[in-house]
Each structure stands twice: as C-alpha cells, then as structure tokens.
Amino acid sequence: ESGGGLVEPGGSLRLSCTASGNIFSIDARGWYRQAPGKQR
C-alpha cells in the first residue's frame, strides 16, 4: 500500500495498492481498516 497520511476533515486522499506475483488468480481486491481498539 501507499498514499496514506495526515489530512484535515473534509479533505481527500487516494490510497494505492500494487501487487506483484500471480495476480491472474485473484478473484477480489479489497480495502480494510483498523482503528485503535477496534476490529478490522
């Protein structure tokens, strides 16, 4: 992953995730998040 950072409320960010290897077998791609003290 790349693209994270600090932003003010109301702002925008774009995250990117690039994979190497046998990506032709991939069925799905997803983004998940985990805040402190919470489940992913």
Full PDB file with SEQRES, HELIX, SHEET, SSBOND, CRYST1, ORIGX, SCALE, CONECT and MASTER records, all heavy atoms in Angstrom:
SEQRES   1 A   40  GLU SER GLY GLY GLY LEU VAL GLU PRO GLY GLY SER LEU          
SEQRES   2 A   40  ARG LEU SER CYS THR ALA SER GLY ASN ILE PHE SER ILE          
SEQRES   3 A   40  ASP ALA ARG GLY TRP TYR ARG GLN ALA PRO GLY LYS GLN          
SEQRES   4 A   40  ARG                                                          
HELIX    1 AA1 ILE A   23  SER A   25  5                                   3    
CRYST1    1.000    1.000    1.000  90.00  90.00  90.00 P 1           1          
ORIGX1      1.000000  0.000000  0.000000        0.00000                         
ORIGX2      0.000000  1.000000  0.000000        0.00000                         
ORIGX3      0.000000  0.000000  1.000000        0.00000                         
SCALE1      1.000000  0.000000  0.000000        0.00000                         
SCALE2      0.000000  1.000000  0.000000        0.00000                         
SCALE3      0.000000  0.000000  1.000000        0.00000                         
ATOM      1  N   GLU A   1       0.822  -1.208   0.000  1.00  0.00           N  
ATOM      2  CA  GLU A   1       0.000   0.000   0.000  1.00  0.00           C  
ATOM      3  C   GLU A   1       0.856   1.259   0.000  1.00  0.00           C  
ATOM      4  O   GLU A   1       1.997   1.257   0.473  1.00  0.00           O  
ATOM      5  CB  GLU A   1      -0.905   0.048   1.243  1.00  0.00           C  
ATOM      6  CG  GLU A   1      -1.833  -1.127   1.421  1.00  0.00           C  
ATOM      7  CD  GLU A   1      -1.287  -2.141   2.405  1.00  0.00           C  
ATOM      8  OE1 GLU A   1      -0.059  -2.171   2.596  1.00  0.00           O  
ATOM      9  OE2 GLU A   1      -2.072  -2.915   2.966  1.00  0.00           O  
ATOM     10  N   SER A   2       0.267   2.345  -0.466  1.00  0.00           N  
ATOM     11  CA  SER A   2       0.887   3.663  -0.391  1.00  0.00           C  
ATOM     12  C   SER A   2      -0.206   4.717  -0.419  1.00  0.00           C  
ATOM     13  O   SER A   2      -1.351   4.430  -0.778  1.00  0.00           O  
ATOM     14  CB  SER A   2       1.867   3.884  -1.547  1.00  0.00           C  
ATOM     15  OG  SER A   2       1.199   3.834  -2.790  1.00  0.00           O  
ATOM     16  N   GLY A   3       0.151   5.948  -0.039  1.00  0.00           N  
ATOM     17  CA  GLY A   3      -0.782   7.052  -0.169  1.00  0.00           C  
ATOM     18  C   GLY A   3      -1.404   7.547   1.118  1.00  0.00           C  
ATOM     19  O   GLY A   3      -2.174   8.510   1.091  1.00  0.00           O  
ATOM     20  N   GLY A   4      -1.106   6.924   2.229  1.00  0.00           N  
ATOM     21  CA  GLY A   4      -1.663   7.394   3.484  1.00  0.00           C  
ATOM     22  C   GLY A   4      -1.024   8.701   3.924  1.00  0.00           C  
ATOM     23  O   GLY A   4      -0.079   9.197   3.305  1.00  0.00           O  
ATOM     24  N   GLY A   5      -1.563   9.259   5.003  1.00  0.00           N  
ATOM     25  CA  GLY A   5      -1.003  10.492   5.515  1.00  0.00           C  
ATOM     26  C   GLY A   5      -1.967  11.225   6.422  1.00  0.00           C  
ATOM     27  O   GLY A   5      -2.978  10.669   6.856  1.00  0.00           O  
ATOM     28  N   LEU A   6      -1.641  12.475   6.682  1.00  0.00           N  
ATOM     29  CA  LEU A   6      -2.456  13.338   7.536  1.00  0.00           C  
ATOM     30  C   LEU A   6      -3.254  14.287   6.653  1.00  0.00           C  
ATOM     31  O   LEU A   6      -2.685  14.935   5.750  1.00  0.00           O  
ATOM     32  CB  LEU A   6      -1.549  14.134   8.478  1.00  0.00           C  
ATOM     33  CG  LEU A   6      -2.208  15.216   9.334  1.00  0.00           C  
ATOM     34  CD1 LEU A   6      -3.189  14.586  10.315  1.00  0.00           C  
ATOM     35  CD2 LEU A   6      -1.141  16.014  10.074  1.00  0.00           C  
ATOM     36  N   VAL A   7      -4.542  14.378   6.910  1.00  0.00           N  
ATOM     37  CA  VAL A   7      -5.404  15.254   6.131  1.00  0.00           C  
ATOM     38  C   VAL A   7      -6.422  15.893   7.070  1.00  0.00           C  
ATOM     39  O   VAL A   7      -6.809  15.291   8.081  1.00  0.00           O  
ATOM     40  CB  VAL A   7      -6.100  14.470   4.997  1.00  0.00           C  
ATOM     41  CG1 VAL A   7      -7.008  13.386   5.549  1.00  0.00           C  
ATOM     42  CG2 VAL A   7      -6.839  15.384   4.046  1.00  0.00           C  
ATOM     43  N   GLU A   8      -6.858  17.097   6.730  1.00  0.00           N  
ATOM     44  CA  GLU A   8      -7.858  17.788   7.540  1.00  0.00           C  
ATOM     45  C   GLU A   8      -9.253  17.236   7.244  1.00  0.00           C  
ATOM     46  O   GLU A   8      -9.497  16.718   6.143  1.00  0.00           O  
ATOM     47  CB  GLU A   8      -7.820  19.280   7.276  1.00  0.00           C  
ATOM     48  CG  GLU A   8      -6.541  19.949   7.746  1.00  0.00           C  
ATOM     49  CD  GLU A   8      -6.582  21.455   7.609  1.00  0.00           C  
ATOM     50  OE1 GLU A   8      -7.492  21.961   6.915  1.00  0.00           O  
ATOM     51  OE2 GLU A   8      -5.705  22.138   8.173  1.00  0.00           O  
ATOM     52  N   PRO A   9     -10.155  17.348   8.184  1.00  0.00           N  
ATOM     53  CA  PRO A   9     -11.537  16.934   7.926  1.00  0.00           C  
ATOM     54  C   PRO A   9     -12.087  17.626   6.681  1.00  0.00           C  
ATOM     55  O   PRO A   9     -11.856  18.831   6.471  1.00  0.00           O  
ATOM     56  CB  PRO A   9     -12.279  17.380   9.185  1.00  0.00           C  
ATOM     57  CG  PRO A   9     -11.230  17.353  10.258  1.00  0.00           C  
ATOM     58  CD  PRO A   9      -9.969  17.789   9.577  1.00  0.00           C  
ATOM     59  N   GLY A  10     -12.799  16.844   5.873  1.00  0.00           N  
ATOM     60  CA  GLY A  10     -13.312  17.347   4.612  1.00  0.00           C  
ATOM     61  C   GLY A  10     -12.368  17.178   3.446  1.00  0.00           C  
ATOM     62  O   GLY A  10     -12.762  17.392   2.288  1.00  0.00           O  
ATOM     63  N   GLY A  11     -11.146  16.796   3.714  1.00  0.00           N  
ATOM     64  CA  GLY A  11     -10.145  16.620   2.670  1.00  0.00           C  
ATOM     65  C   GLY A  11     -10.239  15.276   1.974  1.00  0.00           C  
ATOM     66  O   GLY A  11     -11.142  14.470   2.254  1.00  0.00           O  
ATOM     67  N   SER A  12      -9.302  15.048   1.056  1.00  0.00           N  
ATOM     68  CA  SER A  12      -9.291  13.829   0.250  1.00  0.00           C  
ATOM     69  C   SER A  12      -7.913  13.186   0.265  1.00  0.00           C  
ATOM     70  O   SER A  12      -6.892  13.864   0.419  1.00  0.00           O  
ATOM     71  CB  SER A  12      -9.665  14.140  -1.208  1.00  0.00           C  
ATOM     72  OG  SER A  12     -10.966  14.675  -1.307  1.00  0.00           O  
ATOM     73  N   LEU A  13      -7.909  11.881   0.083  1.00  0.00           N  
ATOM     74  CA  LEU A  13      -6.688  11.104  -0.110  1.00  0.00           C  
ATOM     75  C   LEU A  13      -6.996   9.989  -1.086  1.00  0.00           C  
ATOM     76  O   LEU A  13      -8.140   9.524  -1.171  1.00  0.00           O  
ATOM     77  CB  LEU A  13      -6.197  10.471   1.207  1.00  0.00           C  
ATOM     78  CG  LEU A  13      -5.412  11.300   2.204  1.00  0.00           C  
ATOM     79  CD1 LEU A  13      -5.139  10.469   3.453  1.00  0.00           C  
ATOM     80  CD2 LEU A  13      -4.114  11.808   1.610  1.00  0.00           C  
ATOM     81  N   ARG A  14      -5.971   9.557  -1.811  1.00  0.00           N  
ATOM     82  CA  ARG A  14      -6.114   8.369  -2.639  1.00  0.00           C  
ATOM     83  C   ARG A  14      -5.058   7.348  -2.225  1.00  0.00           C  
ATOM     84  O   ARG A  14      -3.860   7.626  -2.270  1.00  0.00           O  
ATOM     85  CB  ARG A  14      -5.975   8.673  -4.129  1.00  0.00           C  
ATOM     86  CG  ARG A  14      -6.337   7.472  -4.984  1.00  0.00           C  
ATOM     87  CD  ARG A  14      -6.333   7.752  -6.460  1.00  0.00           C  
ATOM     88  NE  ARG A  14      -5.015   7.687  -7.054  1.00  0.00           N  
ATOM     89  CZ  ARG A  14      -4.779   7.404  -8.332  1.00  0.00           C  
ATOM     90  NH1 ARG A  14      -5.798   7.155  -9.146  1.00  0.00           N  
ATOM     91  NH2 ARG A  14      -3.558   7.397  -8.806  1.00  0.00           N  
ATOM     92  N   LEU A  15      -5.543   6.196  -1.820  1.00  0.00           N  
ATOM     93  CA  LEU A  15      -4.658   5.087  -1.487  1.00  0.00           C  
ATOM     94  C   LEU A  15      -4.460   4.198  -2.713  1.00  0.00           C  
ATOM     95  O   LEU A  15      -5.375   4.033  -3.512  1.00  0.00           O  
ATOM     96  CB  LEU A  15      -5.236   4.251  -0.346  1.00  0.00           C  
ATOM     97  CG  LEU A  15      -5.595   4.989   0.937  1.00  0.00           C  
ATOM     98  CD1 LEU A  15      -6.103   3.988   1.979  1.00  0.00           C  
ATOM     99  CD2 LEU A  15      -4.414   5.767   1.467  1.00  0.00           C  
ATOM    100  N   SER A  16      -3.253   3.653  -2.826  1.00  0.00           N  
ATOM    101  CA  SER A  16      -2.942   2.710  -3.897  1.00  0.00           C  
ATOM    102  C   SER A  16      -2.383   1.435  -3.290  1.00  0.00           C  
ATOM    103  O   SER A  16      -1.722   1.471  -2.250  1.00  0.00           O  
ATOM    104  CB  SER A  16      -1.900   3.297  -4.854  1.00  0.00           C  
ATOM    105  OG  SER A  16      -2.346   4.485  -5.449  1.00  0.00           O  
ATOM    106  N   CYS A  17      -2.641   0.336  -3.946  1.00  0.00           N  
ATOM    107  CA  CYS A  17      -2.086  -0.949  -3.530  1.00  0.00           C  
ATOM    108  C   CYS A  17      -1.697  -1.711  -4.788  1.00  0.00           C  
ATOM    109  O   CYS A  17      -2.561  -2.010  -5.615  1.00  0.00           O  
ATOM    110  CB  CYS A  17      -3.087  -1.732  -2.712  1.00  0.00           C  
ATOM    111  SG  CYS A  17      -2.483  -3.355  -2.187  1.00  0.00           S  
ATOM    112  N   THR A  18      -0.423  -1.986  -4.919  1.00  0.00           N  
ATOM    113  CA  THR A  18       0.084  -2.692  -6.088  1.00  0.00           C  
ATOM    114  C   THR A  18       0.627  -4.039  -5.657  1.00  0.00           C  
ATOM    115  O   THR A  18       1.345  -4.137  -4.659  1.00  0.00           O  
ATOM    116  CB  THR A  18       1.191  -1.881  -6.776  1.00  0.00           C  
ATOM    117  OG1 THR A  18       0.646  -0.631  -7.201  1.00  0.00           O  
ATOM    118  CG2 THR A  18       1.727  -2.623  -7.986  1.00  0.00           C  
ATOM    119  N   ALA A  19       0.261  -5.057  -6.407  1.00  0.00           N  
ATOM    120  CA  ALA A  19       0.676  -6.413  -6.065  1.00  0.00           C  
ATOM    121  C   ALA A  19       1.587  -6.989  -7.131  1.00  0.00           C  
ATOM    122  O   ALA A  19       1.376  -6.788  -8.330  1.00  0.00           O  
ATOM    123  CB  ALA A  19      -0.543  -7.313  -5.885  1.00  0.00           C  
ATOM    124  N   SER A  20       2.581  -7.725  -6.687  1.00  0.00           N  
ATOM    125  CA  SER A  20       3.437  -8.492  -7.573  1.00  0.00           C  
ATOM    126  C   SER A  20       3.098  -9.966  -7.397  1.00  0.00           C  
ATOM    127  O   SER A  20       2.417 -10.354  -6.453  1.00  0.00           O  
ATOM    128  CB  SER A  20       4.903  -8.253  -7.230  1.00  0.00           C  
ATOM    129  OG  SER A  20       5.159  -8.596  -5.880  1.00  0.00           O  
ATOM    130  N   GLY A  21       3.544 -10.794  -8.347  1.00  0.00           N  
ATOM    131  CA  GLY A  21       3.273 -12.225  -8.257  1.00  0.00           C  
ATOM    132  C   GLY A  21       2.145 -12.638  -9.174  1.00  0.00           C  
ATOM    133  O   GLY A  21       1.830 -11.971 -10.154  1.00  0.00           O  
ATOM    134  N   ASN A  22       1.509 -13.734  -8.855  1.00  0.00           N  
ATOM    135  CA  ASN A  22       0.492 -14.333  -9.715  1.00  0.00           C  
ATOM    136  C   ASN A  22      -0.868 -13.679  -9.497  1.00  0.00           C  
ATOM    137  O   ASN A  22      -1.770 -14.275  -8.912  1.00  0.00           O  
ATOM    138  CB  ASN A  22       0.410 -15.829  -9.460  1.00  0.00           C  
ATOM    139  CG  ASN A  22      -0.551 -16.514 -10.410  1.00  0.00           C  
ATOM    140  OD1 ASN A  22      -0.868 -15.985 -11.471  1.00  0.00           O  
ATOM    141  ND2 ASN A  22      -1.039 -17.679 -10.024  1.00  0.00           N  
ATOM    142  N   ILE A  23      -0.998 -12.458  -9.987  1.00  0.00           N  
ATOM    143  CA  ILE A  23      -2.256 -11.737  -9.790  1.00  0.00           C  
ATOM    144  C   ILE A  23      -3.361 -12.245 -10.703  1.00  0.00           C  
ATOM    145  O   ILE A  23      -4.529 -11.896 -10.506  1.00  0.00           O  
ATOM    146  CB  ILE A  23      -2.059 -10.225  -9.985  1.00  0.00           C  
ATOM    147  CG1 ILE A  23      -1.644  -9.932 -11.425  1.00  0.00           C  
ATOM    148  CG2 ILE A  23      -1.059  -9.674  -8.986  1.00  0.00           C  
ATOM    149  CD1 ILE A  23      -1.674  -8.465 -11.763  1.00  0.00           C  
ATOM    150  N   PHE A  24      -3.054 -13.077 -11.681  1.00  0.00           N  
ATOM    151  CA  PHE A  24      -4.082 -13.567 -12.604  1.00  0.00           C  
ATOM    152  C   PHE A  24      -5.070 -14.491 -11.902  1.00  0.00           C  
ATOM    153  O   PHE A  24      -6.176 -14.712 -12.403  1.00  0.00           O  
ATOM    154  CB  PHE A  24      -3.423 -14.274 -13.784  1.00  0.00           C  
ATOM    155  CG  PHE A  24      -2.485 -13.396 -14.543  1.00  0.00           C  
ATOM    156  CD1 PHE A  24      -1.115 -13.525 -14.399  1.00  0.00           C  
ATOM    157  CD2 PHE A  24      -2.962 -12.402 -15.372  1.00  0.00           C  
ATOM    158  CE1 PHE A  24      -0.239 -12.694 -15.082  1.00  0.00           C  
ATOM    159  CE2 PHE A  24      -2.104 -11.567 -16.066  1.00  0.00           C  
ATOM    160  CZ  PHE A  24      -0.749 -11.717 -15.923  1.00  0.00           C  
ATOM    161  N   SER A  25      -4.680 -15.027 -10.742  1.00  0.00           N  
ATOM    162  CA  SER A  25      -5.572 -15.912  -9.998  1.00  0.00           C  
ATOM    163  C   SER A  25      -6.450 -15.165  -9.000  1.00  0.00           C  
ATOM    164  O   SER A  25      -7.281 -15.769  -8.332  1.00  0.00           O  
ATOM    165  CB  SER A  25      -4.742 -16.953  -9.247  1.00  0.00           C  
ATOM    166  OG  SER A  25      -3.951 -16.320  -8.261  1.00  0.00           O  
ATOM    167  N   ILE A  26      -6.288 -13.852  -8.927  1.00  0.00           N  
ATOM    168  CA  ILE A  26      -7.003 -13.075  -7.921  1.00  0.00           C  
ATOM    169  C   ILE A  26      -8.473 -12.884  -8.300  1.00  0.00           C  
ATOM    170  O   ILE A  26      -8.790 -12.466  -9.414  1.00  0.00           O  
ATOM    171  CB  ILE A  26      -6.339 -11.703  -7.719  1.00  0.00           C  
ATOM    172  CG1 ILE A  26      -4.905 -11.889  -7.193  1.00  0.00           C  
ATOM    173  CG2 ILE A  26      -7.149 -10.844  -6.768  1.00  0.00           C  
ATOM    174  CD1 ILE A  26      -4.825 -12.636  -5.874  1.00  0.00           C  
ATOM    175  N   ASP A  27      -9.362 -13.212  -7.359  1.00  0.00           N  
ATOM    176  CA  ASP A  27     -10.801 -13.073  -7.575  1.00  0.00           C  
ATOM    177  C   ASP A  27     -11.346 -11.726  -7.102  1.00  0.00           C  
ATOM    178  O   ASP A  27     -12.321 -11.216  -7.646  1.00  0.00           O  
ATOM    179  CB  ASP A  27     -11.555 -14.180  -6.832  1.00  0.00           C  
ATOM    180  CG  ASP A  27     -11.209 -15.561  -7.346  1.00  0.00           C  
ATOM    181  OD1 ASP A  27     -11.092 -15.723  -8.575  1.00  0.00           O  
ATOM    182  OD2 ASP A  27     -11.056 -16.465  -6.511  1.00  0.00           O  
ATOM    183  N   ALA A  28     -10.741 -11.192  -6.050  1.00  0.00           N  
ATOM    184  CA  ALA A  28     -11.266  -9.961  -5.467  1.00  0.00           C  
ATOM    185  C   ALA A  28     -10.134  -9.185  -4.804  1.00  0.00           C  
ATOM    186  O   ALA A  28      -9.125  -9.758  -4.383  1.00  0.00           O  
ATOM    187  CB  ALA A  28     -12.349 -10.268  -4.439  1.00  0.00           C  
ATOM    188  N   ARG A  29     -10.357  -7.889  -4.730  1.00  0.00           N  
ATOM    189  CA  ARG A  29      -9.423  -6.963  -4.077  1.00  0.00           C  
ATOM    190  C   ARG A  29     -10.227  -6.087  -3.137  1.00  0.00           C  
ATOM    191  O   ARG A  29     -11.347  -5.680  -3.488  1.00  0.00           O  
ATOM    192  CB  ARG A  29      -8.713  -6.107  -5.131  1.00  0.00           C  
ATOM    193  CG  ARG A  29      -7.848  -6.918  -6.075  1.00  0.00           C  
ATOM    194  CD  ARG A  29      -7.808  -6.280  -7.455  1.00  0.00           C  
ATOM    195  NE  ARG A  29      -6.949  -7.023  -8.380  1.00  0.00           N  
ATOM    196  CZ  ARG A  29      -7.372  -8.067  -9.092  1.00  0.00           C  
ATOM    197  NH1 ARG A  29      -8.608  -8.492  -9.007  1.00  0.00           N  
ATOM    198  NH2 ARG A  29      -6.524  -8.678  -9.915  1.00  0.00           N  
ATOM    199  N   GLY A  30      -9.675  -5.830  -1.967  1.00  0.00           N  
ATOM    200  CA  GLY A  30     -10.448  -5.055  -1.015  1.00  0.00           C  
ATOM    201  C   GLY A  30      -9.576  -4.159  -0.167  1.00  0.00           C  
ATOM    202  O   GLY A  30      -8.361  -4.332  -0.087  1.00  0.00           O  
ATOM    203  N   TRP A  31     -10.242  -3.174   0.429  1.00  0.00           N  
ATOM    204  CA  TRP A  31      -9.610  -2.297   1.412  1.00  0.00           C  
ATOM    205  C   TRP A  31     -10.306  -2.505   2.754  1.00  0.00           C  
ATOM    206  O   TRP A  31     -11.548  -2.545   2.829  1.00  0.00           O  
ATOM    207  CB  TRP A  31      -9.740  -0.837   0.992  1.00  0.00           C  
ATOM    208  CG  TRP A  31      -8.814  -0.455  -0.118  1.00  0.00           C  
ATOM    209  CD1 TRP A  31      -9.119  -0.386  -1.451  1.00  0.00           C  
ATOM    210  CD2 TRP A  31      -7.437  -0.098  -0.002  1.00  0.00           C  
ATOM    211  NE1 TRP A  31      -8.008  -0.006  -2.170  1.00  0.00           N  
ATOM    212  CE2 TRP A  31      -6.955   0.179  -1.295  1.00  0.00           C  
ATOM    213  CE3 TRP A  31      -6.558   0.034   1.071  1.00  0.00           C  
ATOM    214  CZ2 TRP A  31      -5.630   0.558  -1.549  1.00  0.00           C  
ATOM    215  CZ3 TRP A  31      -5.251   0.418   0.821  1.00  0.00           C  
ATOM    216  CH2 TRP A  31      -4.799   0.682  -0.471  1.00  0.00           C  
ATOM    217  N   TYR A  32      -9.516  -2.625   3.792  1.00  0.00           N  
ATOM    218  CA  TYR A  32      -9.990  -2.801   5.150  1.00  0.00           C  
ATOM    219  C   TYR A  32      -9.295  -1.749   6.011  1.00  0.00           C  
ATOM    220  O   TYR A  32      -8.265  -1.186   5.613  1.00  0.00           O  
ATOM    221  CB  TYR A  32      -9.641  -4.200   5.667  1.00  0.00           C  
ATOM    222  CG  TYR A  32     -10.368  -5.302   4.933  1.00  0.00           C  
ATOM    223  CD1 TYR A  32     -10.014  -5.654   3.628  1.00  0.00           C  
ATOM    224  CD2 TYR A  32     -11.414  -5.997   5.525  1.00  0.00           C  
ATOM    225  CE1 TYR A  32     -10.687  -6.646   2.939  1.00  0.00           C  
ATOM    226  CE2 TYR A  32     -12.092  -7.006   4.849  1.00  0.00           C  
ATOM    227  CZ  TYR A  32     -11.720  -7.319   3.557  1.00  0.00           C  
ATOM    228  OH  TYR A  32     -12.390  -8.297   2.881  1.00  0.00           O  
ATOM    229  N   ARG A  33      -9.854  -1.498   7.178  1.00  0.00           N  
ATOM    230  CA  ARG A  33      -9.207  -0.561   8.084  1.00  0.00           C  
ATOM    231  C   ARG A  33      -9.366  -1.033   9.522  1.00  0.00           C  
ATOM    232  O   ARG A  33     -10.303  -1.754   9.857  1.00  0.00           O  
ATOM    233  CB  ARG A  33      -9.774   0.849   7.926  1.00  0.00           C  
ATOM    234  CG  ARG A  33     -11.221   1.013   8.344  1.00  0.00           C  
ATOM    235  CD  ARG A  33     -11.716   2.409   7.978  1.00  0.00           C  
ATOM    236  NE  ARG A  33     -13.103   2.616   8.381  1.00  0.00           N  
ATOM    237  CZ  ARG A  33     -13.805   3.694   8.058  1.00  0.00           C  
ATOM    238  NH1 ARG A  33     -13.257   4.665   7.325  1.00  0.00           N  
ATOM    239  NH2 ARG A  33     -15.058   3.807   8.474  1.00  0.00           N  
ATOM    240  N   GLN A  34      -8.419  -0.591  10.335  1.00  0.00           N  
ATOM    241  CA  GLN A  34      -8.449  -0.933  11.751  1.00  0.00           C  
ATOM    242  C   GLN A  34      -8.043   0.286  12.555  1.00  0.00           C  
ATOM    243  O   GLN A  34      -6.919   0.776  12.429  1.00  0.00           O  
ATOM    244  CB  GLN A  34      -7.516  -2.108  12.054  1.00  0.00           C  
ATOM    245  CG  GLN A  34      -7.634  -2.615  13.476  1.00  0.00           C  
ATOM    246  CD  GLN A  34      -6.961  -3.958  13.677  1.00  0.00           C  
ATOM    247  OE1 GLN A  34      -6.135  -4.391  12.877  1.00  0.00           O  
ATOM    248  NE2 GLN A  34      -7.339  -4.641  14.735  1.00  0.00           N  
ATOM    249  N   ALA A  35      -8.982   0.763  13.345  1.00  0.00           N  
ATOM    250  CA  ALA A  35      -8.729   1.891  14.241  1.00  0.00           C  
ATOM    251  C   ALA A  35      -8.252   1.345  15.585  1.00  0.00           C  
ATOM    252  O   ALA A  35      -8.525   0.187  15.925  1.00  0.00           O  
ATOM    253  CB  ALA A  35      -9.996   2.713  14.410  1.00  0.00           C  
ATOM    254  N   PRO A  36      -7.571   2.159  16.361  1.00  0.00           N  
ATOM    255  CA  PRO A  36      -7.076   1.692  17.668  1.00  0.00           C  
ATOM    256  C   PRO A  36      -8.210   1.162  18.541  1.00  0.00           C  
ATOM    257  O   PRO A  36      -9.246   1.811  18.690  1.00  0.00           O  
ATOM    258  CB  PRO A  36      -6.455   2.954  18.267  1.00  0.00           C  
ATOM    259  CG  PRO A  36      -6.066   3.779  17.091  1.00  0.00           C  
ATOM    260  CD  PRO A  36      -7.120   3.527  16.059  1.00  0.00           C  
ATOM    261  N   GLY A  37      -8.014  -0.014  19.085  1.00  0.00           N  
ATOM    262  CA  GLY A  37      -9.001  -0.610  19.972  1.00  0.00           C  
ATOM    263  C   GLY A  37     -10.206  -1.208  19.282  1.00  0.00           C  
ATOM    264  O   GLY A  37     -11.143  -1.656  19.952  1.00  0.00           O  
ATOM    265  N   LYS A  38     -10.192  -1.224  17.959  1.00  0.00           N  
ATOM    266  CA  LYS A  38     -11.334  -1.760  17.216  1.00  0.00           C  
ATOM    267  C   LYS A  38     -10.898  -2.905  16.320  1.00  0.00           C  
ATOM    268  O   LYS A  38      -9.723  -3.065  16.009  1.00  0.00           O  
ATOM    269  CB  LYS A  38     -11.994  -0.657  16.377  1.00  0.00           C  
ATOM    270  CG  LYS A  38     -12.620   0.450  17.211  1.00  0.00           C  
ATOM    271  CD  LYS A  38     -13.411   1.400  16.337  1.00  0.00           C  
ATOM    272  CE  LYS A  38     -14.113   2.456  17.166  1.00  0.00           C  
ATOM    273  NZ  LYS A  38     -14.917   3.385  16.322  1.00  0.00           N  
ATOM    274  N   GLN A  39     -11.893  -3.683  15.881  1.00  0.00           N  
ATOM    275  CA  GLN A  39     -11.604  -4.782  14.975  1.00  0.00           C  
ATOM    276  C   GLN A  39     -11.407  -4.254  13.554  1.00  0.00           C  
ATOM    277  O   GLN A  39     -11.931  -3.199  13.186  1.00  0.00           O  
ATOM    278  CB  GLN A  39     -12.763  -5.786  14.997  1.00  0.00           C  
ATOM    279  CG  GLN A  39     -12.872  -6.577  16.283  1.00  0.00           C  
ATOM    280  CD  GLN A  39     -13.886  -7.701  16.169  1.00  0.00           C  
ATOM    281  OE1 GLN A  39     -14.871  -7.594  15.447  1.00  0.00           O  
ATOM    282  NE2 GLN A  39     -13.642  -8.787  16.882  1.00  0.00           N  
ATOM    283  N   ARG A  40     -10.674  -5.010  12.788  1.00  0.00           N  
ATOM    284  CA  ARG A  40     -10.500  -4.676  11.377  1.00  0.00           C  
ATOM    285  C   ARG A  40     -11.843  -4.846  10.670  1.00  0.00           C  
ATOM    286  O   ARG A  40     -12.562  -5.813  10.901  1.00  0.00           O  
ATOM    287  CB  ARG A  40      -9.445  -5.576  10.744  1.00  0.00           C  
ATOM    288  CG  ARG A  40      -8.986  -5.137   9.373  1.00  0.00           C  
ATOM    289  CD  ARG A  40      -7.814  -5.986   8.893  1.00  0.00           C  
ATOM    290  NE  ARG A  40      -6.649  -5.845   9.762  1.00  0.00           N  
ATOM    291  CZ  ARG A  40      -5.460  -6.356   9.472  1.00  0.00           C  
ATOM    292  NH1 ARG A  40      -5.269  -7.031   8.336  1.00  0.00           N  
ATOM    293  NH2 ARG A  40      -4.451  -6.203  10.313  1.00  0.00           N  
TER     294      ARG A  40                                                      
MASTER        0    0    0    1    0    0    0    6  293    1    0    4          
END                                                                             
